[in-house]
Amino acid sequence: MEVEVGTSGHAFPFATQVNEAEKERINSELEHERRAKIYKEAELDMKKISRKLRSSIAKSRPYFEMKQETQQQLEVNLLSVFSIQIKAGHITMAGSGVDPVKFSLLI
């Protein structure tokens, strides 16, 4: 630790600590400002992209909603087919690949 000596010859280690703390604070402020600037720029880019793609997203939303509904209906129909096949004795649950929990909800 550095020790500063005053005019009276006394050592002032506290002054050195204060100087080091002040340097660290200034460096932290500069780093914070740098990162805040990067964040703001990224946020602006995101807003620009969002505005640019807003209409495309809105146009594609019905497709994805319909896809999800169709997928759910397909799953229900598939479980129904497996149920009928199992009742008819054509396949067993173990070899069907059907989720037993979903299947039990169907029956």
Protein backbone atom coordinates (compact mmCIF):
# COMPACT_ATOMS: atom_id res chain seq x y z
CA MET A 1 0.00 0.00 0.00
CA GLU A 2 1.32 3.41 -0.89
CA VAL A 3 1.63 5.91 1.88
CA GLU A 4 1.39 9.63 1.20
CA VAL A 5 3.41 11.87 3.42
CA GLY A 6 2.09 15.30 4.32
CA THR A 7 4.09 18.45 4.94
CA SER A 8 4.33 17.61 8.62
CA GLY A 9 5.94 14.24 7.85
CA HIS A 10 2.89 12.12 8.82
CA ALA A 11 1.79 9.23 6.61
CA PHE A 12 -1.66 9.36 4.91
CA PRO A 13 -2.56 5.86 3.61
CA PHE A 14 -6.21 6.88 3.63
CA ALA A 15 -5.61 9.49 0.91
CA THR A 16 -4.18 6.80 -1.37
CA GLN A 17 -7.21 4.60 -0.78
CA VAL A 18 -9.51 7.51 -1.57
CA ASN A 19 -7.65 8.21 -4.81
CA GLU A 20 -7.83 4.57 -5.85
CA ALA A 21 -11.53 4.41 -5.01
CA GLU A 22 -12.16 7.57 -7.03
CA LYS A 23 -10.30 6.12 -10.04
CA GLU A 24 -12.33 2.91 -9.75
CA ARG A 25 -15.58 4.90 -9.54
CA ILE A 26 -14.70 6.92 -12.63
CA ASN A 27 -13.76 3.77 -14.55
CA SER A 28 -17.03 2.14 -13.49
CA GLU A 29 -19.01 5.16 -14.66
CA LEU A 30 -17.27 5.12 -18.03
CA GLU A 31 -17.92 1.39 -18.44
CA HIS A 32 -21.55 1.86 -17.47
CA GLU A 33 -21.96 4.66 -20.03
CA ARG A 34 -20.33 2.51 -22.72
CA ARG A 35 -22.61 -0.45 -22.01
CA ALA A 36 -25.69 1.76 -21.74
CA LYS A 37 -24.93 3.19 -25.18
CA ILE A 38 -24.58 -0.31 -26.65
CA TYR A 39 -27.87 -1.34 -25.01
CA LYS A 40 -29.72 1.71 -26.35
CA GLU A 41 -28.41 1.07 -29.86
CA ALA A 42 -29.51 -2.57 -29.70
CA GLU A 43 -32.93 -1.54 -28.38
CA LEU A 44 -33.36 0.96 -31.25
CA ASP A 45 -32.35 -1.71 -33.79
CA MET A 46 -34.88 -4.10 -32.27
CA LYS A 47 -37.65 -1.47 -32.51
CA LYS A 48 -36.78 -0.76 -36.15
CA ILE A 49 -36.87 -4.45 -37.02
CA SER A 50 -40.10 -4.90 -35.09
CA ARG A 51 -41.78 -2.04 -36.98
CA LYS A 52 -40.46 -3.36 -40.28
CA LEU A 53 -41.74 -6.90 -39.68
CA ARG A 54 -44.99 -6.05 -37.89
CA SER A 55 -47.17 -6.51 -40.99
CA SER A 56 -45.45 -9.76 -41.95
CA ILE A 57 -46.00 -11.12 -38.46
CA ALA A 58 -49.65 -10.08 -38.52
CA LYS A 59 -50.16 -11.71 -41.92
CA SER A 60 -48.56 -14.99 -40.83
CA ARG A 61 -50.33 -15.26 -37.45
CA PRO A 62 -53.51 -16.92 -38.87
CA TYR A 63 -51.36 -19.57 -40.57
CA PHE A 64 -49.65 -20.54 -37.32
CA GLU A 65 -52.91 -20.52 -35.37
CA MET A 66 -54.52 -22.77 -37.99
CA LYS A 67 -51.44 -25.02 -37.99
CA GLN A 68 -51.70 -25.46 -34.22
CA GLU A 69 -55.43 -26.23 -34.39
CA THR A 70 -54.86 -28.70 -37.21
CA GLN A 71 -52.04 -30.40 -35.29
CA GLN A 72 -54.27 -30.76 -32.22
CA GLN A 73 -57.11 -32.18 -34.30
CA LEU A 74 -54.71 -34.61 -35.98
CA GLU A 75 -53.52 -35.81 -32.58
CA VAL A 76 -57.09 -36.37 -31.40
CA ASN A 77 -57.93 -38.26 -34.58
CA LEU A 78 -54.78 -40.36 -34.29
CA LEU A 79 -55.61 -41.32 -30.72
CA SER A 80 -59.14 -42.19 -31.82
CA VAL A 81 -57.79 -44.48 -34.56
CA PHE A 82 -55.44 -46.18 -32.09
CA SER A 83 -58.32 -46.61 -29.67
CA ILE A 84 -60.42 -48.31 -32.33
CA GLN A 85 -57.50 -50.50 -33.41
CA ILE A 86 -56.78 -51.55 -29.82
CA LYS A 87 -60.44 -52.35 -29.20
CA ALA A 88 -60.45 -54.39 -32.41
CA GLY A 89 -57.33 -56.22 -31.20
CA HIS A 90 -55.12 -55.19 -34.11
CA ILE A 91 -52.35 -53.57 -32.02
CA THR A 92 -51.22 -53.43 -28.42
CA MET A 93 -50.54 -50.28 -26.38
CA ALA A 94 -46.87 -51.19 -25.93
CA GLY A 95 -46.16 -51.28 -29.66
CA SER A 96 -48.36 -48.36 -30.69
CA GLY A 97 -46.17 -45.47 -29.60
CA VAL A 98 -49.22 -43.78 -28.08
CA ASP A 99 -48.78 -41.71 -24.94
CA PRO A 100 -50.77 -43.65 -22.29
CA VAL A 101 -51.80 -40.45 -20.48
CA LYS A 102 -53.30 -38.90 -23.61
CA PHE A 103 -54.86 -42.22 -24.50
CA SER A 104 -56.51 -42.59 -21.08
CA LEU A 105 -58.03 -39.11 -21.46
CA LEU A 106 -59.57 -40.20 -24.76
CA ILE A 107 -61.24 -43.35 -23.45
